[in-house]
PDB file of all heavy atoms in Angstrom:
ATOM      1  N   VAL A   1      53.590  63.278 -71.418  1.00  0.00           N
ATOM      2  CA  VAL A   1      53.286  61.877 -71.088  1.00  0.00           C
ATOM      3  C   VAL A   1      51.922  61.768 -70.410  1.00  0.00           C
ATOM      4  O   VAL A   1      51.107  60.900 -70.748  1.00  0.00           O
ATOM      5  CB  VAL A   1      54.392  61.302 -70.172  1.00  0.00           C
ATOM      6  CG1 VAL A   1      53.982  59.952 -69.600  1.00  0.00           C
ATOM      7  CG2 VAL A   1      55.699  61.194 -70.937  1.00  0.00           C
ATOM      8  N   ILE A   2      51.644  62.654 -69.437  1.00  0.00           N
ATOM      9  CA  ILE A   2      50.370  62.642 -68.705  1.00  0.00           C
ATOM     10  C   ILE A   2      49.217  62.920 -69.660  1.00  0.00           C
ATOM     11  O   ILE A   2      48.179  62.231 -69.630  1.00  0.00           O
ATOM     12  CB  ILE A   2      50.398  63.666 -67.550  1.00  0.00           C
ATOM     13  CG1 ILE A   2      51.362  63.183 -66.453  1.00  0.00           C
ATOM     14  CG2 ILE A   2      49.002  63.893 -66.975  1.00  0.00           C
ATOM     15  CD1 ILE A   2      51.751  64.250 -65.446  1.00  0.00           C
ATOM     16  N   ARG A   3      49.393  63.908 -70.512  1.00  0.00           N
ATOM     17  CA  ARG A   3      48.350  64.226 -71.493  1.00  0.00           C
ATOM     18  C   ARG A   3      48.056  63.012 -72.379  1.00  0.00           C
ATOM     19  O   ARG A   3      46.895  62.621 -72.570  1.00  0.00           O
ATOM     20  CB  ARG A   3      48.810  65.400 -72.363  1.00  0.00           C
ATOM     21  CG  ARG A   3      47.830  65.820 -73.456  1.00  0.00           C
ATOM     22  CD  ARG A   3      48.527  66.645 -74.522  1.00  0.00           C
ATOM     23  NE  ARG A   3      49.550  65.847 -75.199  1.00  0.00           N
ATOM     24  CZ  ARG A   3      50.644  66.347 -75.758  1.00  0.00           C
ATOM     25  NH1 ARG A   3      50.889  67.652 -75.716  1.00  0.00           N
ATOM     26  NH2 ARG A   3      51.513  65.543 -76.358  1.00  0.00           N
ATOM     27  N   ASP A   4      49.115  62.387 -72.905  1.00  0.00           N
ATOM     28  CA  ASP A   4      48.925  61.257 -73.822  1.00  0.00           C
ATOM     29  C   ASP A   4      48.285  60.057 -73.128  1.00  0.00           C
ATOM     30  O   ASP A   4      47.458  59.354 -73.717  1.00  0.00           O
ATOM     31  CB  ASP A   4      50.277  60.841 -74.428  1.00  0.00           C
ATOM     32  CG  ASP A   4      50.841  61.911 -75.362  1.00  0.00           C
ATOM     33  OD1 ASP A   4      50.076  62.830 -75.741  1.00  0.00           O
ATOM     34  OD2 ASP A   4      52.036  61.838 -75.696  1.00  0.00           O
ATOM     35  N   ARG A   5      48.676  59.819 -71.838  1.00  0.00           N
ATOM     36  CA  ARG A   5      48.090  58.653 -71.129  1.00  0.00           C
ATOM     37  C   ARG A   5      46.621  58.894 -70.819  1.00  0.00           C
ATOM     38  O   ARG A   5      45.799  57.966 -70.875  1.00  0.00           O
ATOM     39  CB  ARG A   5      48.868  58.364 -69.840  1.00  0.00           C
ATOM     40  CG  ARG A   5      48.327  57.132 -69.077  1.00  0.00           C
ATOM     41  CD  ARG A   5      48.424  55.886 -69.922  1.00  0.00           C
ATOM     42  NE  ARG A   5      47.759  54.725 -69.352  1.00  0.00           N
ATOM     43  CZ  ARG A   5      46.491  54.388 -69.532  1.00  0.00           C
ATOM     44  NH1 ARG A   5      45.701  55.162 -70.280  1.00  0.00           N
ATOM     45  NH2 ARG A   5      45.988  53.293 -69.002  1.00  0.00           N
ATOM     46  N   ILE A   6      46.251  60.139 -70.499  1.00  0.00           N
ATOM     47  CA  ILE A   6      44.828  60.440 -70.271  1.00  0.00           C
ATOM     48  C   ILE A   6      44.040  60.213 -71.559  1.00  0.00           C
ATOM     49  O   ILE A   6      42.943  59.634 -71.551  1.00  0.00           O
ATOM     50  CB  ILE A   6      44.651  61.880 -69.759  1.00  0.00           C
ATOM     51  CG1 ILE A   6      45.178  61.994 -68.314  1.00  0.00           C
ATOM     52  CG2 ILE A   6      43.182  62.302 -69.802  1.00  0.00           C
ATOM     53  CD1 ILE A   6      45.226  63.406 -67.769  1.00  0.00           C
ATOM     54  N   LEU A   7      44.589  60.621 -72.687  1.00  0.00           N
ATOM     55  CA  LEU A   7      43.904  60.417 -73.977  1.00  0.00           C
ATOM     56  C   LEU A   7      43.763  58.929 -74.304  1.00  0.00           C
ATOM     57  O   LEU A   7      42.772  58.516 -74.921  1.00  0.00           O
ATOM     58  CB  LEU A   7      44.667  61.134 -75.094  1.00  0.00           C
ATOM     59  CG  LEU A   7      44.682  62.674 -75.026  1.00  0.00           C
ATOM     60  CD1 LEU A   7      45.528  63.256 -76.144  1.00  0.00           C
ATOM     61  CD2 LEU A   7      43.265  63.242 -75.084  1.00  0.00           C
ATOM     62  N   LEU A   8      44.734  58.130 -73.871  1.00  0.00           N
ATOM     63  CA  LEU A   8      44.635  56.683 -74.118  1.00  0.00           C
ATOM     64  C   LEU A   8      43.478  56.038 -73.357  1.00  0.00           C
ATOM     65  O   LEU A   8      43.032  54.945 -73.709  1.00  0.00           O
ATOM     66  CB  LEU A   8      45.950  55.990 -73.710  1.00  0.00           C
ATOM     67  CG  LEU A   8      47.133  56.138 -74.674  1.00  0.00           C
ATOM     68  CD1 LEU A   8      48.393  55.542 -74.046  1.00  0.00           C
ATOM     69  CD2 LEU A   8      46.837  55.470 -76.006  1.00  0.00           C
ATOM     70  N   ALA A   9      42.976  56.723 -72.315  1.00  0.00           N
ATOM     71  CA  ALA A   9      41.840  56.187 -71.548  1.00  0.00           C
ATOM     72  C   ALA A   9      40.607  56.029 -72.441  1.00  0.00           C
ATOM     73  O   ALA A   9      39.732  55.205 -72.159  1.00  0.00           O
ATOM     74  CB  ALA A   9      41.526  57.096 -70.367  1.00  0.00           C
ATOM     75  N   PHE A  10      40.538  56.800 -73.523  1.00  0.00           N
ATOM     76  CA  PHE A  10      39.394  56.699 -74.439  1.00  0.00           C
ATOM     77  C   PHE A  10      39.463  55.433 -75.293  1.00  0.00           C
ATOM     78  O   PHE A  10      38.474  55.049 -75.909  1.00  0.00           O
ATOM     79  CB  PHE A  10      39.324  57.940 -75.343  1.00  0.00           C
ATOM     80  CG  PHE A  10      38.922  59.179 -74.599  1.00  0.00           C
ATOM     81  CD1 PHE A  10      39.878  59.998 -74.019  1.00  0.00           C
ATOM     82  CD2 PHE A  10      37.586  59.522 -74.451  1.00  0.00           C
ATOM     83  CE1 PHE A  10      39.516  61.144 -73.312  1.00  0.00           C
ATOM     84  CE2 PHE A  10      37.212  60.661 -73.748  1.00  0.00           C
ATOM     85  CZ  PHE A  10      38.181  61.472 -73.173  1.00  0.00           C
ATOM     86  N   GLU A  11      40.627  54.787 -75.305  1.00  0.00           N
ATOM     87  CA  GLU A  11      40.761  53.512 -76.021  1.00  0.00           C
ATOM     88  C   GLU A  11      40.485  52.329 -75.096  1.00  0.00           C
ATOM     89  O   GLU A  11      40.367  51.192 -75.560  1.00  0.00           O
ATOM     90  CB  GLU A  11      42.176  53.382 -76.605  1.00  0.00           C
ATOM     91  CG  GLU A  11      42.488  54.440 -77.660  1.00  0.00           C
ATOM     92  CD  GLU A  11      43.929  54.366 -78.143  1.00  0.00           C
ATOM     93  OE1 GLU A  11      44.590  53.314 -77.915  1.00  0.00           O
ATOM     94  OE2 GLU A  11      44.393  55.355 -78.729  1.00  0.00           O
ATOM     95  N   GLY A  12      40.420  52.580 -73.801  1.00  0.00           N
ATOM     96  CA  GLY A  12      40.198  51.505 -72.831  1.00  0.00           C
ATOM     97  C   GLY A  12      41.513  50.937 -72.347  1.00  0.00           C
ATOM     98  O   GLY A  12      42.084  51.410 -71.367  1.00  0.00           O
ATOM     99  N   VAL A  13      42.006  49.919 -73.039  1.00  0.00           N
ATOM    100  CA  VAL A  13      43.232  49.223 -72.617  1.00  0.00           C
ATOM    101  C   VAL A  13      44.331  49.483 -73.641  1.00  0.00           C
ATOM    102  O   VAL A  13      44.282  48.952 -74.753  1.00  0.00           O
ATOM    103  CB  VAL A  13      42.996  47.701 -72.487  1.00  0.00           C
ATOM    104  CG1 VAL A  13      44.244  47.008 -71.948  1.00  0.00           C
ATOM    105  CG2 VAL A  13      41.794  47.411 -71.588  1.00  0.00           C
ATOM    106  N   PRO A  14      45.325  50.310 -73.309  1.00  0.00           N
ATOM    107  CA  PRO A  14      46.416  50.571 -74.263  1.00  0.00           C
ATOM    108  C   PRO A  14      47.264  49.314 -74.486  1.00  0.00           C
ATOM    109  O   PRO A  14      47.415  48.485 -73.592  1.00  0.00           O
ATOM    110  CB  PRO A  14      47.250  51.652 -73.586  1.00  0.00           C
ATOM    111  CG  PRO A  14      46.450  52.133 -72.427  1.00  0.00           C
ATOM    112  CD  PRO A  14      45.510  51.046 -72.058  1.00  0.00           C
ATOM    113  N   LYS A  15      47.817  49.195 -75.680  1.00  0.00           N
ATOM    114  CA  LYS A  15      48.679  48.053 -76.024  1.00  0.00           C
ATOM    115  C   LYS A  15      50.037  48.263 -75.382  1.00  0.00           C
ATOM    116  O   LYS A  15      50.786  49.156 -75.784  1.00  0.00           O
ATOM    117  CB  LYS A  15      48.805  47.964 -77.544  1.00  0.00           C
ATOM    118  CG  LYS A  15      49.109  46.585 -78.047  1.00  0.00           C
ATOM    119  CD  LYS A  15      48.986  46.516 -79.555  1.00  0.00           C
ATOM    120  CE  LYS A  15      49.260  45.097 -80.028  1.00  0.00           C
ATOM    121  NZ  LYS A  15      49.178  44.984 -81.478  1.00  0.00           N
ATOM    122  N   GLU A  16      50.361  47.449 -74.369  1.00  0.00           N
ATOM    123  CA  GLU A  16      51.575  47.663 -73.583  1.00  0.00           C
ATOM    124  C   GLU A  16      52.320  46.353 -73.337  1.00  0.00           C
ATOM    125  O   GLU A  16      51.736  45.268 -73.358  1.00  0.00           O
ATOM    126  CB  GLU A  16      51.229  48.229 -72.195  1.00  0.00           C
ATOM    127  CG  GLU A  16      50.509  49.544 -72.172  1.00  0.00           C
ATOM    128  CD  GLU A  16      49.970  49.876 -70.790  1.00  0.00           C
ATOM    129  OE1 GLU A  16      49.801  48.962 -69.953  1.00  0.00           O
ATOM    130  OE2 GLU A  16      49.720  51.060 -70.552  1.00  0.00           O
ATOM    131  N   THR A  17      53.599  46.493 -73.055  1.00  0.00           N
ATOM    132  CA  THR A  17      54.380  45.427 -72.421  1.00  0.00           C
ATOM    133  C   THR A  17      54.553  45.840 -70.967  1.00  0.00           C
ATOM    134  O   THR A  17      54.975  46.952 -70.679  1.00  0.00           O
ATOM    135  CB  THR A  17      55.748  45.266 -73.094  1.00  0.00           C
ATOM    136  OG1 THR A  17      55.552  44.880 -74.455  1.00  0.00           O
ATOM    137  CG2 THR A  17      56.583  44.205 -72.388  1.00  0.00           C
ATOM    138  N   ARG A  18      54.204  44.915 -70.054  1.00  0.00           N
ATOM    139  CA  ARG A  18      54.236  45.228 -68.632  1.00  0.00           C
ATOM    140  C   ARG A  18      55.156  44.251 -67.906  1.00  0.00           C
ATOM    141  O   ARG A  18      55.394  43.132 -68.375  1.00  0.00           O
ATOM    142  CB  ARG A  18      52.815  45.171 -68.029  1.00  0.00           C
ATOM    143  CG  ARG A  18      51.866  46.159 -68.693  1.00  0.00           C
ATOM    144  CD  ARG A  18      50.448  46.083 -68.126  1.00  0.00           C
ATOM    145  NE  ARG A  18      50.369  46.550 -66.760  1.00  0.00           N
ATOM    146  CZ  ARG A  18      50.246  47.826 -66.401  1.00  0.00           C
ATOM    147  NH1 ARG A  18      50.195  48.772 -67.327  1.00  0.00           N
ATOM    148  NH2 ARG A  18      50.169  48.168 -65.133  1.00  0.00           N
ATOM    149  N   GLY A  19      55.671  44.686 -66.759  1.00  0.00           N
ATOM    150  CA  GLY A  19      56.563  43.850 -65.966  1.00  0.00           C
ATOM    151  C   GLY A  19      55.857  43.311 -64.735  1.00  0.00           C
ATOM    152  O   GLY A  19      55.081  44.020 -64.096  1.00  0.00           O
ATOM    153  N   ALA A  20      56.109  42.045 -64.413  1.00  0.00           N
ATOM    154  CA  ALA A  20      55.489  41.415 -63.245  1.00  0.00           C
ATOM    155  C   ALA A  20      56.146  41.918 -61.960  1.00  0.00           C
ATOM    156  O   ALA A  20      57.361  42.072 -61.886  1.00  0.00           O
ATOM    157  CB  ALA A  20      55.632  39.904 -63.338  1.00  0.00           C
ATOM    158  N   LEU A  21      55.320  42.178 -60.941  1.00  0.00           N
ATOM    159  CA  LEU A  21      55.799  42.594 -59.622  1.00  0.00           C
ATOM    160  C   LEU A  21      55.553  41.472 -58.614  1.00  0.00           C
ATOM    161  O   LEU A  21      54.748  40.569 -58.851  1.00  0.00           O
ATOM    162  CB  LEU A  21      55.087  43.883 -59.179  1.00  0.00           C
ATOM    163  CG  LEU A  21      55.274  45.093 -60.115  1.00  0.00           C
ATOM    164  CD1 LEU A  21      54.421  46.262 -59.637  1.00  0.00           C
ATOM    165  CD2 LEU A  21      56.736  45.503 -60.198  1.00  0.00           C
ATOM    166  N   ASP A  22      56.224  41.560 -57.467  1.00  0.00           N
ATOM    167  CA  ASP A  22      56.183  40.463 -56.490  1.00  0.00           C
ATOM    168  C   ASP A  22      54.812  40.235 -55.863  1.00  0.00           C
ATOM    169  O   ASP A  22      54.563  39.163 -55.309  1.00  0.00           O
ATOM    170  CB  ASP A  22      57.208  40.712 -55.378  1.00  0.00           C
ATOM    171  CG  ASP A  22      58.640  40.539 -55.859  1.00  0.00           C
ATOM    172  OD1 ASP A  22      58.818  39.872 -56.901  1.00  0.00           O
ATOM    173  OD2 ASP A  22      59.560  41.062 -55.216  1.00  0.00           O
ATOM    174  N   ASP A  23      53.920  41.243 -55.913  1.00  0.00           N
ATOM    175  CA  ASP A  23      52.594  41.064 -55.305  1.00  0.00           C
ATOM    176  C   ASP A  23      51.555  40.588 -56.322  1.00  0.00           C
ATOM    177  O   ASP A  23      50.364  40.528 -56.021  1.00  0.00           O
ATOM    178  CB  ASP A  23      52.114  42.369 -54.642  1.00  0.00           C
ATOM    179  CG  ASP A  23      51.917  43.498 -55.642  1.00  0.00           C
ATOM    180  OD1 ASP A  23      52.292  43.323 -56.827  1.00  0.00           O
ATOM    181  OD2 ASP A  23      51.405  44.561 -55.245  1.00  0.00           O
ATOM    182  N   GLY A  24      51.999  40.235 -57.535  1.00  0.00           N
ATOM    183  CA  GLY A  24      51.071  39.740 -58.551  1.00  0.00           C
ATOM    184  C   GLY A  24      50.526  40.835 -59.461  1.00  0.00           C
ATOM    185  O   GLY A  24      49.845  40.535 -60.442  1.00  0.00           O
ATOM    186  N   THR A  25      50.788  42.096 -59.136  1.00  0.00           N
ATOM    187  CA  THR A  25      50.381  43.186 -60.024  1.00  0.00           C
ATOM    188  C   THR A  25      51.477  43.391 -61.067  1.00  0.00           C
ATOM    189  O   THR A  25      52.498  42.713 -61.067  1.00  0.00           O
ATOM    190  CB  THR A  25      50.125  44.486 -59.242  1.00  0.00           C
ATOM    191  OG1 THR A  25      51.350  44.884 -58.599  1.00  0.00           O
ATOM    192  CG2 THR A  25      49.039  44.281 -58.189  1.00  0.00           C
ATOM    193  N   THR A  26      51.244  44.351 -61.972  1.00  0.00           N
ATOM    194  CA  THR A  26      52.220  44.615 -63.026  1.00  0.00           C
ATOM    195  C   THR A  26      52.410  46.112 -63.189  1.00  0.00           C
ATOM    196  O   THR A  26      51.588  46.905 -62.712  1.00  0.00           O
ATOM    197  CB  THR A  26      51.742  44.032 -64.369  1.00  0.00           C
ATOM    198  OG1 THR A  26      50.485  44.635 -64.729  1.00  0.00           O
ATOM    199  CG2 THR A  26      51.570  42.531 -64.304  1.00  0.00           C
ATOM    200  N   LYS A  27      53.498  46.496 -63.868  1.00  0.00           N
ATOM    201  CA  LYS A  27      53.725  47.916 -64.153  1.00  0.00           C
ATOM    202  C   LYS A  27      54.089  48.095 -65.624  1.00  0.00           C
ATOM    203  O   LYS A  27      54.615  47.170 -66.269  1.00  0.00           O
ATOM    204  CB  LYS A  27      54.832  48.484 -63.262  1.00  0.00           C
ATOM    205  CG  LYS A  27      56.209  47.921 -63.562  1.00  0.00           C
ATOM    206  CD  LYS A  27      57.273  48.631 -62.743  1.00  0.00           C
ATOM    207  CE  LYS A  27      58.677  48.101 -63.107  1.00  0.00           C
ATOM    208  NZ  LYS A  27      59.741  48.792 -62.382  1.00  0.00           N
ATOM    209  N   PHE A  28      53.822  49.287 -66.144  1.00  0.00           N
ATOM    210  CA  PHE A  28      54.148  49.610 -67.532  1.00  0.00           C
ATOM    211  C   PHE A  28      55.661  49.579 -67.741  1.00  0.00           C
ATOM    212  O   PHE A  28      56.415  50.142 -66.962  1.00  0.00           O
ATOM    213  CB  PHE A  28      53.608  51.003 -67.875  1.00  0.00           C
ATOM    214  CG  PHE A  28      54.090  51.537 -69.195  1.00  0.00           C
ATOM    215  CD1 PHE A  28      53.517  51.112 -70.380  1.00  0.00           C
ATOM    216  CD2 PHE A  28      55.119  52.467 -69.246  1.00  0.00           C
ATOM    217  CE1 PHE A  28      53.959  51.601 -71.601  1.00  0.00           C
ATOM    218  CE2 PHE A  28      55.577  52.969 -70.456  1.00  0.00           C
ATOM    219  CZ  PHE A  28      54.989  52.535 -71.636  1.00  0.00           C
ATOM    220  N   LEU A  29      56.102  48.897 -68.814  1.00  0.00           N
ATOM    221  CA  LEU A  29      57.505  48.888 -69.180  1.00  0.00           C
ATOM    222  C   LEU A  29      57.761  49.692 -70.455  1.00  0.00           C
ATOM    223  O   LEU A  29      58.604  50.561 -70.506  1.00  0.00           O
ATOM    224  CB  LEU A  29      58.005  47.448 -69.397  1.00  0.00           C
ATOM    225  CG  LEU A  29      58.087  46.527 -68.182  1.00  0.00           C
ATOM    226  CD1 LEU A  29      58.574  45.148 -68.603  1.00  0.00           C
ATOM    227  CD2 LEU A  29      59.018  47.104 -67.119  1.00  0.00           C
ATOM    228  N   ARG A  30      56.967  49.374 -71.495  1.00  0.00           N
ATOM    229  CA  ARG A  30      57.183  50.008 -72.800  1.00  0.00           C
ATOM    230  C   ARG A  30      56.008  49.662 -73.713  1.00  0.00           C
ATOM    231  O   ARG A  30      55.224  48.764 -73.409  1.00  0.00           O
ATOM    232  CB  ARG A  30      58.483  49.508 -73.430  1.00  0.00           C
ATOM    233  CG  ARG A  30      58.542  48.003 -73.601  1.00  0.00           C
ATOM    234  CD  ARG A  30      59.883  47.536 -74.171  1.00  0.00           C
ATOM    235  NE  ARG A  30      59.959  46.070 -74.207  1.00  0.00           N
ATOM    236  CZ  ARG A  30      60.448  45.326 -73.237  1.00  0.00           C
ATOM    237  NH1 ARG A  30      60.911  45.894 -72.136  1.00  0.00           N
ATOM    238  NH2 ARG A  30      60.479  44.015 -73.347  1.00  0.00           N
TER     239      ARG A  30
END
């Protein structure tokens, strides 16, 4: 997972669905 996420950095912004958090930030869901 770590290897694949580092490689995704070369694409800039990976295509993700993210979940909203109470402080206005978000986290990766799927």
